Amino acid sequence: MSKEEMDKTAKKKLIDIAHRWYDQMTGGGVPSISLPTRTKRNIEYDDESEVWKYGDRESVRSAGNAKSALHLLKMAYVIWFLKKQILENRSSTLRELYYISEGWKKAKFGAQDESNFLIEDLEILTDLQREAFHLRPEEDGATIFGPLRLKEQTRRGEREIHCQDDVGEAGYQIPNNVESVEFVDHDAKFIIAIETGGMYARLIENGFDADHNAILVHLKGQPARSTRRCLNKLNDKFGIPVVVFTDGDPWSYRIYASVAYGAIKSAHMSELLATPKAQFIGVQPSDIRDYNLPSDHLTERDVAALHAELTDPRFATDYWREQINLQLSLNLKSEQQAFAAKGLDFVTKEYLPARLSDMGII
């Protein structure tokens, strides 16, 4: 879909929400919206798409009570602002939207979490990503380094980039709107998505991309939606296997889950953002034991998070139950960089090749 077509679609779907309210009122009803309940109890596995989506539980926001009426008022203001923004071909960040509401009197947001949540409501109601509304996140995009050629639409026109030959060692920066990028071709056997900048730099410095024909993607911690969309598109278009390399702690397992299974708060976009075939390569709790990695004891918060993951349907597999229970018994966690205790080449020459071979990727 071209930018002009997307703008037209986004504007129409936003206005349609207001039209539905108008029809409800002229029909003698009270304006309302119905939205899925956004909790882990309301996510279900969809066999056809192989991703986790929201289930049938819904909540209704009706102008029949003061709290929900105020929410609909704020939504009306946001729809007006987004329509204006699209017509003027402008863009804003989620943070700017929060501050713009300062002039909306009773429709002013009390906190940015509130405005972010409302934008998620609009994504669900329109079945569009927030980028279609010309909204940008605050954070910079993650980066890619490896044997991948792409075309990017810029203000100066289209340009073609090779993500090894045409970029510095930081790699190609993923734009906020990945739909403006066309992946042309590649020479990769697999993609490795890496949590930390230190490990991403280690793999580049050690020539891991060239030695194994690998595309390296820096997740920058919890990955931005643009990063997850990029992984999804690469895997979908080329069928390249994706592996996720994180620290060995419960918070990092959730990073993997957001890539492979989809995040609970963006389950309405799972088909676009999740890569169901992505595999977890480590750091595994069994690696902490088998390699005797430098480690720290779990905190009470870590233990609570691990127990929560045991009840999370996205982790309801034999593999994850075994690994999480092992970690609880070890009472240890470890970072990616802990492999450096065995030498700066150990992770690229021994650990990753062994794991990739066991997984049937190389």
Protein backbone atom coordinates (compact mmCIF):
# COMPACT_ATOMS: atom_id res chain seq x y z
CA MET A 1 0.00 0.00 0.00
CA SER A 2 1.39 3.41 -0.98
CA LYS A 3 1.73 6.24 1.54
CA GLU A 4 -1.18 8.08 -0.06
CA GLU A 5 -3.41 5.02 0.17
CA MET A 6 -2.39 4.39 3.79
CA ASP A 7 -3.11 8.02 4.74
CA LYS A 8 -6.55 7.79 3.11
CA THR A 9 -7.32 4.50 4.90
CA ALA A 10 -6.12 5.77 8.28
CA LYS A 11 -8.15 8.96 8.03
CA LYS A 12 -11.31 7.07 7.03
CA LYS A 13 -11.01 4.48 9.81
CA LEU A 14 -10.47 7.15 12.45
CA ILE A 15 -13.50 9.15 11.29
CA ASP A 16 -15.58 5.95 11.16
CA ILE A 17 -15.24 5.68 14.94
CA ALA A 18 -16.85 9.10 15.35
CA HIS A 19 -19.52 8.14 12.81
CA ARG A 20 -20.41 5.08 14.90
CA TRP A 21 -20.88 7.31 17.95
CA TYR A 22 -23.09 9.62 15.91
CA ASP A 23 -25.21 6.70 14.70
CA GLN A 24 -25.54 5.39 18.27
CA MET A 25 -26.78 8.77 19.50
CA THR A 26 -29.20 9.39 16.60
CA GLY A 27 -30.57 5.91 17.22
CA GLY A 28 -31.34 6.86 20.81
CA GLY A 29 -28.38 5.01 22.30
CA VAL A 30 -25.36 5.98 24.36
CA PRO A 31 -21.97 6.27 22.60
CA SER A 32 -19.69 3.35 23.44
CA ILE A 33 -16.78 1.21 22.27
CA SER A 34 -15.95 -2.46 22.93
CA LEU A 35 -12.34 -3.54 23.35
CA PRO A 36 -10.61 -6.80 24.29
CA THR A 37 -9.33 -7.11 27.84
CA ARG A 38 -5.56 -6.65 27.62
CA THR A 39 -4.28 -9.19 30.17
CA LYS A 40 -2.41 -12.50 29.93
CA ARG A 41 -5.66 -14.25 30.91
CA ASN A 42 -7.16 -13.06 27.65
CA ILE A 43 -4.52 -14.16 25.16
CA GLU A 44 -5.06 -17.31 23.14
CA TYR A 45 -2.91 -19.18 20.64
CA ASP A 46 -4.17 -18.91 17.07
CA ASP A 47 -3.29 -22.09 15.17
CA GLU A 48 -3.64 -20.53 11.74
CA SER A 49 -1.29 -17.55 12.28
CA GLU A 50 0.84 -19.31 14.96
CA VAL A 51 0.78 -16.23 17.20
CA TRP A 52 -0.88 -15.25 20.47
CA LYS A 53 -3.91 -12.98 20.11
CA TYR A 54 -6.55 -11.50 22.37
CA GLY A 55 -9.41 -13.83 23.26
CA ASP A 56 -13.14 -13.17 23.58
CA ARG A 57 -13.13 -11.27 26.86
CA GLU A 58 -14.16 -7.68 26.25
CA SER A 59 -14.78 -4.53 28.21
CA VAL A 60 -17.21 -1.82 27.17
CA ARG A 61 -16.56 1.89 27.61
CA SER A 62 -19.84 3.74 27.56
CA ALA A 63 -20.64 7.42 27.95
CA GLY A 64 -23.27 6.23 30.39
CA ASN A 65 -20.80 6.69 33.25
CA ALA A 66 -18.53 9.64 33.93
CA LYS A 67 -15.18 7.81 33.76
CA SER A 68 -15.86 6.17 30.39
CA ALA A 69 -17.47 9.32 29.03
CA LEU A 70 -14.25 11.19 29.78
CA HIS A 71 -12.26 8.47 27.99
CA LEU A 72 -14.45 8.85 24.88
CA LEU A 73 -14.04 12.62 25.05
CA LYS A 74 -10.25 12.22 25.06
CA MET A 75 -10.49 9.74 22.19
CA ALA A 76 -12.53 12.24 20.17
CA TYR A 77 -9.86 14.89 20.68
CA VAL A 78 -7.12 12.45 19.65
CA ILE A 79 -9.04 11.41 16.52
CA TRP A 80 -9.39 15.09 15.58
CA PHE A 81 -5.68 15.70 16.15
CA LEU A 82 -4.54 12.60 14.22
CA LYS A 83 -6.83 13.39 11.28
CA LYS A 84 -5.39 16.92 11.14
CA GLN A 85 -1.84 15.55 11.40
CA ILE A 86 -2.40 13.15 8.49
CA LEU A 87 -3.97 15.86 6.31
CA GLU A 88 -1.02 18.19 6.95
CA ASN A 89 1.51 15.38 6.39
CA ARG A 90 3.03 16.03 9.81
CA SER A 91 4.14 13.59 12.50
CA SER A 92 4.59 13.61 16.25
CA THR A 93 5.91 11.36 18.99
CA LEU A 94 3.84 9.67 21.66
CA ARG A 95 5.43 12.03 24.18
CA GLU A 96 4.49 15.10 22.11
CA LEU A 97 0.89 13.89 21.89
CA TYR A 98 0.76 13.77 25.68
CA TYR A 99 1.95 17.39 25.94
CA ILE A 100 -0.31 18.56 23.10
CA SER A 101 -3.29 17.48 25.21
CA GLU A 102 -2.38 20.23 27.72
CA GLY A 103 -4.62 22.56 25.72
CA TRP A 104 -7.60 20.21 25.63
CA LYS A 105 -9.09 21.27 28.99
CA LYS A 106 -11.11 18.35 30.39
CA ALA A 107 -9.69 16.05 27.69
CA LYS A 108 -6.13 16.58 28.97
CA PHE A 109 -4.24 13.38 29.83
CA GLY A 110 -3.12 12.90 33.41
CA ALA A 111 -0.07 10.78 32.46
CA GLN A 112 1.61 9.50 29.31
CA ASP A 113 0.61 5.92 30.10
CA GLU A 114 -2.97 7.06 29.65
CA SER A 115 -2.37 8.56 26.20
CA ASN A 116 -0.29 5.54 25.13
CA PHE A 117 -3.12 3.24 26.19
CA LEU A 118 -5.63 5.26 24.18
CA ILE A 119 -3.48 4.98 21.06
CA GLU A 120 -3.50 1.19 21.55
CA ASP A 121 -7.31 1.43 21.71
CA LEU A 122 -7.31 3.18 18.34
CA GLU A 123 -5.00 0.56 16.84
CA ILE A 124 -7.44 -2.15 17.89
CA LEU A 125 -10.51 -0.25 16.66
CA THR A 126 -8.96 0.57 13.27
CA ASP A 127 -6.79 -2.53 12.81
CA LEU A 128 -3.89 -0.22 11.91
CA GLN A 129 -0.46 0.37 13.41
CA ARG A 130 0.16 3.72 15.11
CA GLU A 131 2.69 4.56 12.38
CA ALA A 132 -0.31 4.87 10.04
CA PHE A 133 -1.43 7.78 12.25
CA HIS A 134 2.01 9.43 11.76
CA LEU A 135 2.96 8.68 15.37
CA ARG A 136 6.58 7.92 16.20
CA PRO A 137 8.17 6.36 19.31
CA GLU A 138 10.73 8.31 21.29
CA GLU A 139 13.52 5.76 21.15
CA ASP A 140 15.95 5.34 18.24
CA GLY A 141 15.56 2.25 16.13
CA ALA A 142 17.74 -0.80 16.62
CA THR A 143 20.44 -1.71 14.09
CA ILE A 144 21.22 -4.46 11.57
CA PHE A 145 24.59 -5.68 10.36
CA GLY A 146 25.05 -8.48 7.86
CA PRO A 147 24.59 -9.78 4.30
CA LEU A 148 21.29 -8.04 3.55
CA ARG A 149 20.42 -5.63 0.76
CA LEU A 150 17.46 -3.27 1.08
CA LYS A 151 15.83 -0.24 -0.46
CA GLU A 152 14.70 2.64 1.69
CA GLN A 153 12.35 5.53 0.89
CA THR A 154 13.89 8.80 2.06
CA ARG A 155 13.03 12.47 1.58
CA ARG A 156 15.63 12.55 -1.18
CA GLY A 157 14.14 9.55 -2.92
CA GLU A 158 14.91 5.86 -2.91
CA ARG A 159 18.34 4.54 -1.93
CA GLU A 160 19.78 1.00 -1.90
CA ILE A 161 21.91 -0.14 1.04
CA HIS A 162 23.96 -3.25 1.75
CA CYS A 163 24.02 -3.79 5.51
CA GLN A 164 27.69 -4.86 5.52
CA ASP A 165 29.33 -2.98 2.66
CA ASP A 166 27.53 0.36 2.92
CA VAL A 167 27.36 0.93 6.68
CA GLY A 168 29.76 1.52 9.54
CA GLU A 169 30.27 -0.94 12.37
CA ALA A 170 27.17 0.35 14.14
CA GLY A 171 25.12 -1.08 11.27
CA TYR A 172 22.00 0.12 9.47
CA GLN A 173 19.49 1.84 11.73
CA ILE A 174 15.97 0.45 11.46
CA PRO A 175 13.51 3.29 10.78
CA ASN A 176 10.42 3.82 12.92
CA ASN A 177 8.18 2.82 10.02
CA VAL A 178 9.54 -0.43 8.55
CA GLU A 179 6.86 -0.34 5.83
CA SER A 180 9.06 2.24 4.04
CA VAL A 181 11.79 -0.41 3.64
CA GLU A 182 11.91 -3.08 0.91
CA PHE A 183 14.14 -6.07 1.59
CA VAL A 184 15.72 -6.92 -1.76
CA ASP A 185 17.98 -9.96 -1.28
CA HIS A 186 20.41 -11.60 1.14
CA ASP A 187 23.16 -14.18 1.54
CA ALA A 188 22.27 -15.17 5.10
CA LYS A 189 21.80 -18.58 6.65
CA PHE A 190 20.11 -17.17 9.75
CA ILE A 191 19.36 -14.05 11.77
CA ILE A 192 20.60 -13.66 15.33
CA ALA A 193 18.77 -11.04 17.41
CA ILE A 194 20.94 -9.89 20.31
CA GLU A 195 19.79 -8.21 23.51
CA THR A 196 22.84 -6.15 24.49
CA GLY A 197 25.01 -3.67 22.61
CA GLY A 198 28.18 -5.18 24.06
CA MET A 199 27.43 -8.64 22.64
CA TYR A 200 26.27 -7.17 19.31
CA ALA A 201 29.62 -5.33 19.03
CA ARG A 202 31.51 -8.49 20.06
CA LEU A 203 29.95 -10.52 17.25
CA ILE A 204 30.74 -7.80 14.70
CA GLU A 205 34.33 -7.40 15.91
CA ASN A 206 34.89 -11.16 15.82
CA GLY A 207 33.53 -11.38 12.26
CA PHE A 208 30.67 -13.67 13.24
CA ASP A 209 28.46 -12.27 10.45
CA ALA A 210 31.03 -13.11 7.75
CA ASP A 211 32.09 -16.48 9.22
CA HIS A 212 28.53 -17.78 9.41
CA ASN A 213 26.63 -15.67 6.85
CA ALA A 214 24.56 -14.23 9.66
CA ILE A 215 22.42 -11.11 9.88
CA LEU A 216 22.94 -9.52 13.30
CA VAL A 217 20.12 -7.47 14.84
CA HIS A 218 20.66 -5.45 18.02
CA LEU A 219 17.45 -5.56 20.05
CA LYS A 220 18.53 -2.79 22.46
CA GLY A 221 16.93 -4.53 25.41
CA GLN A 222 13.15 -4.85 25.11
CA PRO A 223 12.79 -4.48 21.34
CA ALA A 224 10.87 -1.63 19.80
CA ARG A 225 7.91 -2.51 17.61
CA SER A 226 9.87 -1.47 14.52
CA THR A 227 12.56 -4.03 15.39
CA ARG A 228 10.01 -6.80 15.88
CA ARG A 229 8.28 -5.84 12.63
CA CYS A 230 11.63 -5.99 10.83
CA LEU A 231 12.32 -9.53 12.12
CA ASN A 232 8.79 -10.56 11.18
CA LYS A 233 9.14 -9.23 7.62
CA LEU A 234 12.56 -10.80 7.05
CA ASN A 235 11.41 -14.18 8.29
CA ASP A 236 8.14 -13.99 6.37
CA LYS A 237 9.66 -12.86 3.05
CA PHE A 238 12.83 -14.94 2.95
CA GLY A 239 12.13 -17.76 5.43
CA ILE A 240 15.43 -17.05 7.20
CA PRO A 241 15.63 -18.78 10.61
CA VAL A 242 15.65 -16.37 13.56
CA VAL A 243 17.38 -17.06 16.89
CA VAL A 244 17.27 -14.78 19.93
CA PHE A 245 20.33 -14.36 22.18
CA THR A 246 19.67 -12.70 25.54
CA ASP A 247 20.88 -12.63 29.12
CA GLY A 248 19.92 -15.55 31.35
CA ASP A 249 17.26 -13.95 33.56
CA PRO A 250 13.44 -13.79 33.61
CA TRP A 251 13.30 -10.30 32.14
CA SER A 252 15.36 -11.40 29.14
CA TYR A 253 13.11 -14.41 28.58
CA ARG A 254 10.30 -11.88 28.19
CA ILE A 255 12.36 -10.14 25.52
CA TYR A 256 12.45 -13.43 23.63
CA ALA A 257 8.72 -13.91 24.23
CA SER A 258 7.92 -10.50 22.74
CA VAL A 259 9.82 -11.47 19.57
CA ALA A 260 8.50 -15.02 19.20
CA TYR A 261 5.07 -14.98 20.83
CA GLY A 262 4.09 -11.32 20.82
CA ALA A 263 3.76 -8.91 23.72
CA ILE A 264 0.55 -8.93 25.77
CA LYS A 265 -0.04 -5.19 25.30
CA SER A 266 0.36 -5.48 21.51
CA ALA A 267 -1.40 -8.82 20.98
CA HIS A 268 -3.73 -7.06 18.53
CA MET A 269 -0.69 -6.69 16.24
CA SER A 270 0.87 -10.12 16.79
CA GLU A 271 0.59 -11.19 13.15
CA LEU A 272 2.71 -8.17 12.15
CA LEU A 273 5.10 -8.05 15.09
CA ALA A 274 5.71 -11.64 16.24
CA THR A 275 8.00 -14.20 14.60
CA PRO A 276 6.53 -17.52 15.79
CA LYS A 277 9.39 -19.63 14.45
CA ALA A 278 12.05 -17.64 16.33
CA GLN A 279 14.06 -19.88 18.65
CA PHE A 280 15.78 -19.11 21.94
CA ILE A 281 19.51 -19.75 21.76
CA GLY A 282 20.57 -18.58 25.24
CA VAL A 283 21.75 -17.76 27.78
CA GLN A 284 19.90 -20.83 29.11
CA PRO A 285 19.81 -21.72 32.80
CA SER A 286 21.44 -25.00 31.77
CA ASP A 287 24.31 -22.96 30.26
CA ILE A 288 24.93 -21.31 33.63
CA ARG A 289 25.36 -24.78 35.09
CA ASP A 290 27.15 -26.52 32.21
CA TYR A 291 29.65 -23.73 31.49
CA ASN A 292 29.99 -22.65 35.12
CA LEU A 293 29.35 -19.06 34.07
CA PRO A 294 29.97 -16.14 36.44
CA SER A 295 26.56 -15.40 37.92
CA ASP A 296 24.52 -13.58 40.54
CA HIS A 297 21.88 -14.88 42.91
CA LEU A 298 18.26 -14.32 41.97
CA THR A 299 16.49 -11.50 43.75
CA GLU A 300 13.01 -11.85 45.24
CA ARG A 301 11.72 -9.92 42.24
CA ASP A 302 13.48 -12.34 39.86
CA VAL A 303 11.95 -15.33 41.63
CA ALA A 304 8.48 -13.77 41.46
CA ALA A 305 8.95 -13.09 37.74
CA LEU A 306 10.00 -16.69 37.08
CA HIS A 307 6.96 -18.02 38.92
CA ALA A 308 4.77 -15.64 36.89
CA GLU A 309 6.29 -17.03 33.69
CA LEU A 310 5.35 -20.55 34.77
CA THR A 311 1.71 -19.40 34.66
CA ASP A 312 2.12 -17.41 31.42
CA PRO A 313 0.55 -19.34 28.48
CA ARG A 314 3.36 -18.19 26.19
CA PHE A 315 5.86 -20.17 28.29
CA ALA A 316 3.65 -23.26 28.64
CA THR A 317 6.08 -25.68 26.96
CA ASP A 318 8.20 -28.53 28.30
CA TYR A 319 11.38 -26.65 27.37
CA TRP A 320 10.51 -23.50 29.30
CA ARG A 321 9.10 -25.32 32.32
CA GLU A 322 12.31 -27.35 32.55
CA GLN A 323 14.61 -24.35 32.16
CA ILE A 324 12.69 -22.07 34.53
CA ASN A 325 12.45 -24.74 37.24
CA LEU A 326 16.18 -25.40 36.83
CA GLN A 327 16.92 -21.71 37.29
CA LEU A 328 14.82 -21.59 40.43
CA SER A 329 16.72 -24.55 41.84
CA LEU A 330 20.10 -23.05 40.88
CA ASN A 331 19.03 -19.65 42.26
CA LEU A 332 21.37 -18.03 39.71
CA LYS A 333 21.22 -15.67 36.74
CA SER A 334 23.91 -14.69 34.26
CA GLU A 335 24.62 -12.11 31.54
CA GLN A 336 25.65 -12.63 27.93
CA GLN A 337 29.02 -11.04 28.62
CA ALA A 338 29.76 -13.72 31.24
CA PHE A 339 31.12 -15.87 28.40
CA ALA A 340 34.07 -13.42 28.26
CA ALA A 341 35.41 -15.15 31.38
CA LYS A 342 36.44 -17.95 29.02
CA GLY A 343 38.06 -15.60 26.49
CA LEU A 344 36.81 -12.97 24.04
CA ASP A 345 36.48 -15.52 21.24
CA PHE A 346 34.68 -18.21 23.22
CA VAL A 347 31.15 -17.02 22.49
CA THR A 348 31.67 -16.80 18.70
CA LYS A 349 34.07 -19.72 18.20
CA GLU A 350 32.60 -22.27 20.60
CA TYR A 351 29.30 -21.48 22.32
CA LEU A 352 27.21 -20.09 19.45
CA PRO A 353 28.46 -22.57 16.79
CA ALA A 354 27.75 -25.47 19.15
CA ARG A 355 24.26 -24.24 19.97
CA LEU A 356 23.44 -23.43 16.32
CA SER A 357 24.59 -26.90 15.31
CA ASP A 358 22.46 -28.53 18.03
CA MET A 359 19.47 -26.54 16.76
CA GLY A 360 20.08 -27.67 13.16
CA ILE A 361 20.70 -24.15 11.86
CA ILE A 362 24.33 -24.62 10.78
